[in-house]
Amino acid sequence: QFYLPIQDTDFIFAVFAEEFGFVGSMVLLLLLALYA
């Protein structure tokens, strides 16, 4: 809400982490690990 600049591009992961927390972030990292 206009605190975090460029929140839809360069800092979109910060919004993701705020809305889905540590667990959601770990799930995303797991997806990246599977892809790798």
PDB file of all heavy atoms in Angstrom:
ATOM      1  N   GLN A   1       0.842  -1.198   0.000  1.00  0.00           N
ATOM      2  CA  GLN A   1       0.000   0.000   0.000  1.00  0.00           C
ATOM      3  C   GLN A   1       0.882   1.255   0.000  1.00  0.00           C
ATOM      4  O   GLN A   1       0.852   2.053   0.926  1.00  0.00           O
ATOM      5  CB  GLN A   1      -0.921  -0.008   1.222  1.00  0.00           C
ATOM      6  CG  GLN A   1      -1.780  -1.241   1.369  1.00  0.00           C
ATOM      7  CD  GLN A   1      -2.897  -1.282   0.342  1.00  0.00           C
ATOM      8  OE1 GLN A   1      -3.277  -0.261  -0.217  1.00  0.00           O
ATOM      9  NE2 GLN A   1      -3.455  -2.461   0.110  1.00  0.00           N
ATOM     10  N   PHE A   2       1.728   1.377  -1.027  1.00  0.00           N
ATOM     11  CA  PHE A   2       2.559   2.560  -1.263  1.00  0.00           C
ATOM     12  C   PHE A   2       3.677   2.756  -0.238  1.00  0.00           C
ATOM     13  O   PHE A   2       4.214   3.849  -0.097  1.00  0.00           O
ATOM     14  CB  PHE A   2       1.700   3.827  -1.340  1.00  0.00           C
ATOM     15  CG  PHE A   2       0.685   3.769  -2.428  1.00  0.00           C
ATOM     16  CD1 PHE A   2      -0.613   3.360  -2.165  1.00  0.00           C
ATOM     17  CD2 PHE A   2       1.033   4.065  -3.736  1.00  0.00           C
ATOM     18  CE1 PHE A   2      -1.566   3.282  -3.171  1.00  0.00           C
ATOM     19  CE2 PHE A   2       0.091   3.983  -4.755  1.00  0.00           C
ATOM     20  CZ  PHE A   2      -1.211   3.588  -4.478  1.00  0.00           C
ATOM     21  N   TYR A   3       4.038   1.676   0.469  1.00  0.00           N
ATOM     22  CA  TYR A   3       5.223   1.731   1.317  1.00  0.00           C
ATOM     23  C   TYR A   3       6.420   1.126   0.577  1.00  0.00           C
ATOM     24  O   TYR A   3       7.510   1.686   0.563  1.00  0.00           O
ATOM     25  CB  TYR A   3       4.991   0.960   2.628  1.00  0.00           C
ATOM     26  CG  TYR A   3       3.929   1.567   3.505  1.00  0.00           C
ATOM     27  CD1 TYR A   3       2.656   1.009   3.588  1.00  0.00           C
ATOM     28  CD2 TYR A   3       4.198   2.709   4.254  1.00  0.00           C
ATOM     29  CE1 TYR A   3       1.678   1.567   4.389  1.00  0.00           C
ATOM     30  CE2 TYR A   3       3.219   3.285   5.068  1.00  0.00           C
ATOM     31  CZ  TYR A   3       1.961   2.694   5.128  1.00  0.00           C
ATOM     32  OH  TYR A   3       0.984   3.261   5.913  1.00  0.00           O
ATOM     33  N   LEU A   4       6.205  -0.019  -0.032  1.00  0.00           N
ATOM     34  CA  LEU A   4       7.257  -0.728  -0.744  1.00  0.00           C
ATOM     35  C   LEU A   4       7.295  -0.282  -2.209  1.00  0.00           C
ATOM     36  O   LEU A   4       6.334  -0.487  -2.942  1.00  0.00           O
ATOM     37  CB  LEU A   4       7.009  -2.243  -0.663  1.00  0.00           C
ATOM     38  CG  LEU A   4       7.981  -3.147  -1.421  1.00  0.00           C
ATOM     39  CD1 LEU A   4       9.386  -3.034  -0.849  1.00  0.00           C
ATOM     40  CD2 LEU A   4       7.501  -4.597  -1.367  1.00  0.00           C
ATOM     41  N   PRO A   5       8.405   0.328  -2.650  1.00  0.00           N
ATOM     42  CA  PRO A   5       8.483   0.775  -4.053  1.00  0.00           C
ATOM     43  C   PRO A   5       8.625  -0.407  -5.021  1.00  0.00           C
ATOM     44  O   PRO A   5       9.164  -1.455  -4.663  1.00  0.00           O
ATOM     45  CB  PRO A   5       9.750   1.649  -4.081  1.00  0.00           C
ATOM     46  CG  PRO A   5      10.114   1.890  -2.649  1.00  0.00           C
ATOM     47  CD  PRO A   5       9.598   0.723  -1.885  1.00  0.00           C
ATOM     48  N   ILE A   6       8.162  -0.228  -6.223  1.00  0.00           N
ATOM     49  CA  ILE A   6       8.286  -1.203  -7.323  1.00  0.00           C
ATOM     50  C   ILE A   6       7.873  -2.599  -6.847  1.00  0.00           C
ATOM     51  O   ILE A   6       8.544  -3.587  -7.088  1.00  0.00           O
ATOM     52  CB  ILE A   6       9.729  -1.233  -7.888  1.00  0.00           C
ATOM     53  CG1 ILE A   6      10.388   0.141  -7.827  1.00  0.00           C
ATOM     54  CG2 ILE A   6       9.727  -1.714  -9.337  1.00  0.00           C
ATOM     55  CD1 ILE A   6      11.814   0.163  -8.315  1.00  0.00           C
ATOM     56  N   GLN A   7       6.736  -2.650  -6.150  1.00  0.00           N
ATOM     57  CA  GLN A   7       6.313  -3.897  -5.520  1.00  0.00           C
ATOM     58  C   GLN A   7       5.787  -4.932  -6.507  1.00  0.00           C
ATOM     59  O   GLN A   7       5.662  -6.105  -6.161  1.00  0.00           O
ATOM     60  CB  GLN A   7       5.244  -3.615  -4.453  1.00  0.00           C
ATOM     61  CG  GLN A   7       3.841  -3.366  -4.976  1.00  0.00           C
ATOM     62  CD  GLN A   7       3.672  -1.947  -5.490  1.00  0.00           C
ATOM     63  OE1 GLN A   7       4.624  -1.224  -5.691  1.00  0.00           O
ATOM     64  NE2 GLN A   7       2.429  -1.539  -5.706  1.00  0.00           N
ATOM     65  N   ASP A   8       5.492  -4.521  -7.757  1.00  0.00           N
ATOM     66  CA  ASP A   8       4.976  -5.487  -8.724  1.00  0.00           C
ATOM     67  C   ASP A   8       6.060  -6.003  -9.677  1.00  0.00           C
ATOM     68  O   ASP A   8       5.768  -6.816 -10.548  1.00  0.00           O
ATOM     69  CB  ASP A   8       3.827  -4.874  -9.541  1.00  0.00           C
ATOM     70  CG  ASP A   8       4.231  -3.579 -10.232  1.00  0.00           C
ATOM     71  OD1 ASP A   8       5.318  -3.055  -9.912  1.00  0.00           O
ATOM     72  OD2 ASP A   8       3.459  -3.085 -11.073  1.00  0.00           O
ATOM     73  N   THR A   9       7.289  -5.548  -9.510  1.00  0.00           N
ATOM     74  CA  THR A   9       8.380  -6.014 -10.377  1.00  0.00           C
ATOM     75  C   THR A   9       9.593  -6.436  -9.546  1.00  0.00           C
ATOM     76  O   THR A   9       9.766  -7.600  -9.234  1.00  0.00           O
ATOM     77  CB  THR A   9       8.787  -4.929 -11.394  1.00  0.00           C
ATOM     78  OG1 THR A   9       9.059  -3.709 -10.695  1.00  0.00           O
ATOM     79  CG2 THR A   9       7.703  -4.688 -12.412  1.00  0.00           C
ATOM     80  N   ASP A  10      10.438  -5.456  -9.176  1.00  0.00           N
ATOM     81  CA  ASP A  10      11.714  -5.779  -8.539  1.00  0.00           C
ATOM     82  C   ASP A  10      11.585  -6.315  -7.119  1.00  0.00           C
ATOM     83  O   ASP A  10      12.524  -6.945  -6.615  1.00  0.00           O
ATOM     84  CB  ASP A  10      12.611  -4.528  -8.511  1.00  0.00           C
ATOM     85  CG  ASP A  10      12.966  -4.051  -9.910  1.00  0.00           C
ATOM     86  OD1 ASP A  10      12.699  -4.795 -10.878  1.00  0.00           O
ATOM     87  OD2 ASP A  10      13.493  -2.928 -10.045  1.00  0.00           O
ATOM     88  N   PHE A  11      10.448  -6.060  -6.454  1.00  0.00           N
ATOM     89  CA  PHE A  11      10.293  -6.506  -5.062  1.00  0.00           C
ATOM     90  C   PHE A  11       9.017  -7.321  -4.860  1.00  0.00           C
ATOM     91  O   PHE A  11       8.452  -7.336  -3.778  1.00  0.00           O
ATOM     92  CB  PHE A  11      10.296  -5.294  -4.120  1.00  0.00           C
ATOM     93  CG  PHE A  11      11.653  -4.684  -3.915  1.00  0.00           C
ATOM     94  CD1 PHE A  11      12.100  -3.680  -4.756  1.00  0.00           C
ATOM     95  CD2 PHE A  11      12.491  -5.131  -2.910  1.00  0.00           C
ATOM     96  CE1 PHE A  11      13.352  -3.129  -4.596  1.00  0.00           C
ATOM     97  CE2 PHE A  11      13.751  -4.581  -2.729  1.00  0.00           C
ATOM     98  CZ  PHE A  11      14.194  -3.577  -3.572  1.00  0.00           C
ATOM     99  N   ILE A  12       8.604  -8.018  -5.894  1.00  0.00           N
ATOM    100  CA  ILE A  12       7.344  -8.770  -5.781  1.00  0.00           C
ATOM    101  C   ILE A  12       7.460  -9.939  -4.813  1.00  0.00           C
ATOM    102  O   ILE A  12       6.480 -10.337  -4.177  1.00  0.00           O
ATOM    103  CB  ILE A  12       6.862  -9.240  -7.175  1.00  0.00           C
ATOM    104  CG1 ILE A  12       5.403  -9.689  -7.110  1.00  0.00           C
ATOM    105  CG2 ILE A  12       7.770 -10.345  -7.725  1.00  0.00           C
ATOM    106  CD1 ILE A  12       4.773  -9.919  -8.474  1.00  0.00           C
ATOM    107  N   PHE A  13       8.668 -10.494  -4.656  1.00  0.00           N
ATOM    108  CA  PHE A  13       8.810 -11.596  -3.697  1.00  0.00           C
ATOM    109  C   PHE A  13       8.543 -11.120  -2.275  1.00  0.00           C
ATOM    110  O   PHE A  13       8.038 -11.898  -1.445  1.00  0.00           O
ATOM    111  CB  PHE A  13      10.200 -12.221  -3.770  1.00  0.00           C
ATOM    112  CG  PHE A  13      10.418 -13.298  -2.738  1.00  0.00           C
ATOM    113  CD1 PHE A  13       9.871 -14.565  -2.911  1.00  0.00           C
ATOM    114  CD2 PHE A  13      11.131 -13.040  -1.572  1.00  0.00           C
ATOM    115  CE1 PHE A  13      10.037 -15.558  -1.947  1.00  0.00           C
ATOM    116  CE2 PHE A  13      11.302 -14.020  -0.604  1.00  0.00           C
ATOM    117  CZ  PHE A  13      10.764 -15.283  -0.792  1.00  0.00           C
ATOM    118  N   ALA A  14       8.865  -9.858  -1.962  1.00  0.00           N
ATOM    119  CA  ALA A  14       8.608  -9.338  -0.618  1.00  0.00           C
ATOM    120  C   ALA A  14       7.109  -9.356  -0.314  1.00  0.00           C
ATOM    121  O   ALA A  14       6.691  -9.687   0.801  1.00  0.00           O
ATOM    122  CB  ALA A  14       9.165  -7.928  -0.488  1.00  0.00           C
ATOM    123  N   VAL A  15       6.292  -9.008  -1.316  1.00  0.00           N
ATOM    124  CA  VAL A  15       4.837  -9.058  -1.137  1.00  0.00           C
ATOM    125  C   VAL A  15       4.391 -10.512  -0.959  1.00  0.00           C
ATOM    126  O   VAL A  15       3.541 -10.819  -0.116  1.00  0.00           O
ATOM    127  CB  VAL A  15       4.122  -8.409  -2.341  1.00  0.00           C
ATOM    128  CG1 VAL A  15       2.609  -8.489  -2.177  1.00  0.00           C
ATOM    129  CG2 VAL A  15       4.568  -6.968  -2.514  1.00  0.00           C
ATOM    130  N   PHE A  16       4.957 -11.403  -1.759  1.00  0.00           N
ATOM    131  CA  PHE A  16       4.631 -12.828  -1.637  1.00  0.00           C
ATOM    132  C   PHE A  16       4.970 -13.333  -0.242  1.00  0.00           C
ATOM    133  O   PHE A  16       4.169 -14.045   0.392  1.00  0.00           O
ATOM    134  CB  PHE A  16       5.405 -13.620  -2.688  1.00  0.00           C
ATOM    135  CG  PHE A  16       5.193 -15.109  -2.622  1.00  0.00           C
ATOM    136  CD1 PHE A  16       4.131 -15.705  -3.286  1.00  0.00           C
ATOM    137  CD2 PHE A  16       6.048 -15.928  -1.887  1.00  0.00           C
ATOM    138  CE1 PHE A  16       3.927 -17.082  -3.234  1.00  0.00           C
ATOM    139  CE2 PHE A  16       5.853 -17.294  -1.828  1.00  0.00           C
ATOM    140  CZ  PHE A  16       4.792 -17.869  -2.502  1.00  0.00           C
ATOM    141  N   ALA A  17       6.166 -12.977   0.263  1.00  0.00           N
ATOM    142  CA  ALA A  17       6.591 -13.439   1.590  1.00  0.00           C
ATOM    143  C   ALA A  17       5.696 -12.882   2.685  1.00  0.00           C
ATOM    144  O   ALA A  17       5.413 -13.561   3.682  1.00  0.00           O
ATOM    145  CB  ALA A  17       8.042 -13.047   1.831  1.00  0.00           C
ATOM    146  N   GLU A  18       5.232 -11.631   2.520  1.00  0.00           N
ATOM    147  CA  GLU A  18       4.359 -11.051   3.526  1.00  0.00           C
ATOM    148  C   GLU A  18       2.994 -11.736   3.537  1.00  0.00           C
ATOM    149  O   GLU A  18       2.414 -11.960   4.607  1.00  0.00           O
ATOM    150  CB  GLU A  18       4.177  -9.554   3.273  1.00  0.00           C
ATOM    151  CG  GLU A  18       3.348  -8.856   4.338  1.00  0.00           C
ATOM    152  CD  GLU A  18       3.185  -7.371   4.093  1.00  0.00           C
ATOM    153  OE1 GLU A  18       3.682  -6.879   3.074  1.00  0.00           O
ATOM    154  OE2 GLU A  18       2.540  -6.700   4.943  1.00  0.00           O
ATOM    155  N   GLU A  19       2.481 -12.089   2.380  1.00  0.00           N
ATOM    156  CA  GLU A  19       1.140 -12.670   2.319  1.00  0.00           C
ATOM    157  C   GLU A  19       1.121 -14.170   2.592  1.00  0.00           C
ATOM    158  O   GLU A  19       0.111 -14.700   3.055  1.00  0.00           O
ATOM    159  CB  GLU A  19       0.528 -12.376   0.945  1.00  0.00           C
ATOM    160  CG  GLU A  19       0.286 -10.889   0.725  1.00  0.00           C
ATOM    161  CD  GLU A  19      -0.506 -10.569  -0.523  1.00  0.00           C
ATOM    162  OE1 GLU A  19      -0.766 -11.503  -1.296  1.00  0.00           O
ATOM    163  OE2 GLU A  19      -0.867  -9.401  -0.715  1.00  0.00           O
ATOM    164  N   PHE A  20       2.225 -14.861   2.304  1.00  0.00           N
ATOM    165  CA  PHE A  20       2.239 -16.326   2.489  1.00  0.00           C
ATOM    166  C   PHE A  20       3.262 -16.801   3.515  1.00  0.00           C
ATOM    167  O   PHE A  20       3.354 -17.996   3.787  1.00  0.00           O
ATOM    168  CB  PHE A  20       2.487 -17.014   1.138  1.00  0.00           C
ATOM    169  CG  PHE A  20       1.374 -16.818   0.164  1.00  0.00           C
ATOM    170  CD1 PHE A  20       1.441 -15.827  -0.811  1.00  0.00           C
ATOM    171  CD2 PHE A  20       0.229 -17.603   0.224  1.00  0.00           C
ATOM    172  CE1 PHE A  20       0.408 -15.632  -1.712  1.00  0.00           C
ATOM    173  CE2 PHE A  20      -0.816 -17.414  -0.671  1.00  0.00           C
ATOM    174  CZ  PHE A  20      -0.723 -16.427  -1.639  1.00  0.00           C
ATOM    175  N   GLY A  21       4.030 -15.885   4.073  1.00  0.00           N
ATOM    176  CA  GLY A  21       4.892 -16.196   5.197  1.00  0.00           C
ATOM    177  C   GLY A  21       6.057 -17.117   4.877  1.00  0.00           C
ATOM    178  O   GLY A  21       6.389 -17.392   3.721  1.00  0.00           O
ATOM    179  N   PHE A  22       6.664 -17.602   5.956  1.00  0.00           N
ATOM    180  CA  PHE A  22       7.825 -18.489   5.841  1.00  0.00           C
ATOM    181  C   PHE A  22       7.463 -19.780   5.127  1.00  0.00           C
ATOM    182  O   PHE A  22       8.217 -20.270   4.278  1.00  0.00           O
ATOM    183  CB  PHE A  22       8.378 -18.789   7.238  1.00  0.00           C
ATOM    184  CG  PHE A  22       9.518 -19.754   7.239  1.00  0.00           C
ATOM    185  CD1 PHE A  22      10.804 -19.343   6.920  1.00  0.00           C
ATOM    186  CD2 PHE A  22       9.320 -21.092   7.578  1.00  0.00           C
ATOM    187  CE1 PHE A  22      11.865 -20.237   6.915  1.00  0.00           C
ATOM    188  CE2 PHE A  22      10.369 -21.996   7.577  1.00  0.00           C
ATOM    189  CZ  PHE A  22      11.648 -21.561   7.242  1.00  0.00           C
ATOM    190  N   VAL A  23       6.294 -20.325   5.442  1.00  0.00           N
ATOM    191  CA  VAL A  23       5.873 -21.596   4.838  1.00  0.00           C
ATOM    192  C   VAL A  23       5.697 -21.435   3.326  1.00  0.00           C
ATOM    193  O   VAL A  23       6.183 -22.247   2.533  1.00  0.00           O
ATOM    194  CB  VAL A  23       4.569 -22.107   5.491  1.00  0.00           C
ATOM    195  CG1 VAL A  23       4.050 -23.346   4.754  1.00  0.00           C
ATOM    196  CG2 VAL A  23       4.802 -22.435   6.958  1.00  0.00           C
ATOM    197  N   GLY A  24       5.002 -20.390   2.909  1.00  0.00           N
ATOM    198  CA  GLY A  24       4.804 -20.159   1.492  1.00  0.00           C
ATOM    199  C   GLY A  24       6.117 -19.927   0.763  1.00  0.00           C
ATOM    200  O   GLY A  24       6.310 -20.416  -0.357  1.00  0.00           O
ATOM    201  N   SER A  25       7.025 -19.203   1.404  1.00  0.00           N
ATOM    202  CA  SER A  25       8.336 -18.951   0.795  1.00  0.00           C
ATOM    203  C   SER A  25       9.115 -20.243   0.616  1.00  0.00           C
ATOM    204  O   SER A  25       9.793 -20.446  -0.405  1.00  0.00           O
ATOM    205  CB  SER A  25       9.135 -17.971   1.659  1.00  0.00           C
ATOM    206  OG  SER A  25       8.453 -16.736   1.787  1.00  0.00           O
ATOM    207  N   MET A  26       9.032 -21.137   1.608  1.00  0.00           N
ATOM    208  CA  MET A  26       9.720 -22.424   1.497  1.00  0.00           C
ATOM    209  C   MET A  26       9.114 -23.287   0.383  1.00  0.00           C
ATOM    210  O   MET A  26       9.833 -24.008  -0.306  1.00  0.00           O
ATOM    211  CB  MET A  26       9.643 -23.174   2.836  1.00  0.00           C
ATOM    212  CG  MET A  26      10.505 -22.579   3.939  1.00  0.00           C
ATOM    213  SD  MET A  26      12.279 -22.548   3.528  1.00  0.00           S
ATOM    214  CE  MET A  26      12.495 -20.815   3.083  1.00  0.00           C
ATOM    215  N   VAL A  27       7.798 -23.193   0.211  1.00  0.00           N
ATOM    216  CA  VAL A  27       7.150 -23.942  -0.872  1.00  0.00           C
ATOM    217  C   VAL A  27       7.638 -23.439  -2.223  1.00  0.00           C
ATOM    218  O   VAL A  27       7.919 -24.223  -3.141  1.00  0.00           O
ATOM    219  CB  VAL A  27       5.614 -23.833  -0.767  1.00  0.00           C
ATOM    220  CG1 VAL A  27       4.943 -24.414  -2.018  1.00  0.00           C
ATOM    221  CG2 VAL A  27       5.113 -24.549   0.476  1.00  0.00           C
ATOM    222  N   LEU A  28       7.772 -22.117  -2.349  1.00  0.00           N
ATOM    223  CA  LEU A  28       8.274 -21.547  -3.600  1.00  0.00           C
ATOM    224  C   LEU A  28       9.721 -21.974  -3.853  1.00  0.00           C
ATOM    225  O   LEU A  28      10.090 -22.329  -4.978  1.00  0.00           O
ATOM    226  CB  LEU A  28       8.178 -20.025  -3.569  1.00  0.00           C
ATOM    227  CG  LEU A  28       8.687 -19.289  -4.826  1.00  0.00           C
ATOM    228  CD1 LEU A  28       7.905 -19.721  -6.063  1.00  0.00           C
ATOM    229  CD2 LEU A  28       8.593 -17.775  -4.646  1.00  0.00           C
ATOM    230  N   LEU A  29      10.542 -21.966  -2.810  1.00  0.00           N
ATOM    231  CA  LEU A  29      11.929 -22.413  -2.953  1.00  0.00           C
ATOM    232  C   LEU A  29      11.988 -23.899  -3.308  1.00  0.00           C
ATOM    233  O   LEU A  29      12.865 -24.328  -4.065  1.00  0.00           O
ATOM    234  CB  LEU A  29      12.707 -22.138  -1.671  1.00  0.00           C
ATOM    235  CG  LEU A  29      13.028 -20.670  -1.389  1.00  0.00           C
ATOM    236  CD1 LEU A  29      13.664 -20.522  -0.011  1.00  0.00           C
ATOM    237  CD2 LEU A  29      13.959 -20.100  -2.453  1.00  0.00           C
ATOM    238  N   LEU A  30      11.050 -24.676  -2.773  1.00  0.00           N
ATOM    239  CA  LEU A  30      10.986 -26.099  -3.115  1.00  0.00           C
ATOM    240  C   LEU A  30      10.644 -26.279  -4.589  1.00  0.00           C
ATOM    241  O   LEU A  30      11.217 -27.146  -5.267  1.00  0.00           O
ATOM    242  CB  LEU A  30       9.938 -26.799  -2.238  1.00  0.00           C
ATOM    243  CG  LEU A  30       9.715 -28.302  -2.512  1.00  0.00           C
ATOM    244  CD1 LEU A  30      11.005 -29.078  -2.280  1.00  0.00           C
ATOM    245  CD2 LEU A  30       8.588 -28.852  -1.648  1.00  0.00           C
ATOM    246  N   LEU A  31       9.728 -25.452  -5.092  1.00  0.00           N
ATOM    247  CA  LEU A  31       9.385 -25.505  -6.514  1.00  0.00           C
ATOM    248  C   LEU A  31      10.618 -25.196  -7.374  1.00  0.00           C
ATOM    249  O   LEU A  31      10.868 -25.869  -8.374  1.00  0.00           O
ATOM    250  CB  LEU A  31       8.258 -24.519  -6.813  1.00  0.00           C
ATOM    251  CG  LEU A  31       7.683 -24.517  -8.240  1.00  0.00           C
ATOM    252  CD1 LEU A  31       6.191 -24.197  -8.198  1.00  0.00           C
ATOM    253  CD2 LEU A  31       8.380 -23.497  -9.149  1.00  0.00           C
ATOM    254  N   LEU A  32      11.389 -24.188  -6.971  1.00  0.00           N
ATOM    255  CA  LEU A  32      12.612 -23.849  -7.692  1.00  0.00           C
ATOM    256  C   LEU A  32      13.628 -24.989  -7.627  1.00  0.00           C
ATOM    257  O   LEU A  32      14.321 -25.277  -8.610  1.00  0.00           O
ATOM    258  CB  LEU A  32      13.228 -22.568  -7.125  1.00  0.00           C
ATOM    259  CG  LEU A  32      12.442 -21.267  -7.330  1.00  0.00           C
ATOM    260  CD1 LEU A  32      13.124 -20.110  -6.611  1.00  0.00           C
ATOM    261  CD2 LEU A  32      12.280 -20.957  -8.803  1.00  0.00           C
ATOM    262  N   ALA A  33      13.703 -25.646  -6.457  1.00  0.00           N
ATOM    263  CA  ALA A  33      14.629 -26.772  -6.309  1.00  0.00           C
ATOM    264  C   ALA A  33      14.230 -27.937  -7.208  1.00  0.00           C
ATOM    265  O   ALA A  33      15.088 -28.582  -7.827  1.00  0.00           O
ATOM    266  CB  ALA A  33      14.671 -27.216  -4.847  1.00  0.00           C
ATOM    267  N   LEU A  34      12.928 -28.205  -7.306  1.00  0.00           N
ATOM    268  CA  LEU A  34      12.443 -29.269  -8.180  1.00  0.00           C
ATOM    269  C   LEU A  34      12.741 -28.942  -9.649  1.00  0.00           C
ATOM    270  O   LEU A  34      13.145 -29.809 -10.425  1.00  0.00           O
ATOM    271  CB  LEU A  34      10.935 -29.467  -7.982  1.00  0.00           C
ATOM    272  CG  LEU A  34      10.493 -30.145  -6.684  1.00  0.00           C
ATOM    273  CD1 LEU A  34       8.974 -30.111  -6.556  1.00  0.00           C
ATOM    274  CD2 LEU A  34      10.985 -31.585  -6.641  1.00  0.00           C
ATOM    275  N   TYR A  35      12.534 -27.674  -9.995  1.00  0.00           N
ATOM    276  CA  TYR A  35      12.800 -27.241 -11.370  1.00  0.00           C
ATOM    277  C   TYR A  35      14.281 -27.388 -11.696  1.00  0.00           C
ATOM    278  O   TYR A  35      14.651 -27.881 -12.773  1.00  0.00           O
ATOM    279  CB  TYR A  35      12.354 -25.787 -11.545  1.00  0.00           C
ATOM    280  CG  TYR A  35      12.244 -25.348 -12.987  1.00  0.00           C
ATOM    281  CD1 TYR A  35      11.043 -25.486 -13.681  1.00  0.00           C
ATOM    282  CD2 TYR A  35      13.333 -24.796 -13.657  1.00  0.00           C
ATOM    283  CE1 TYR A  35      10.932 -25.073 -15.007  1.00  0.00           C
ATOM    284  CE2 TYR A  35      13.232 -24.391 -14.983  1.00  0.00           C
ATOM    285  CZ  TYR A  35      12.030 -24.534 -15.640  1.00  0.00           C
ATOM    286  OH  TYR A  35      11.920 -24.147 -16.951  1.00  0.00           O
ATOM    287  N   ALA A  36      15.124 -26.984 -10.755  1.00  0.00           N
ATOM    288  CA  ALA A  36      16.567 -27.089 -10.966  1.00  0.00           C
ATOM    289  C   ALA A  36      17.002 -28.540 -11.088  1.00  0.00           C
ATOM    290  O   ALA A  36      17.828 -28.893 -11.944  1.00  0.00           O
ATOM    291  CB  ALA A  36      17.305 -26.409  -9.816  1.00  0.00           C
TER     292      ALA A  36
END
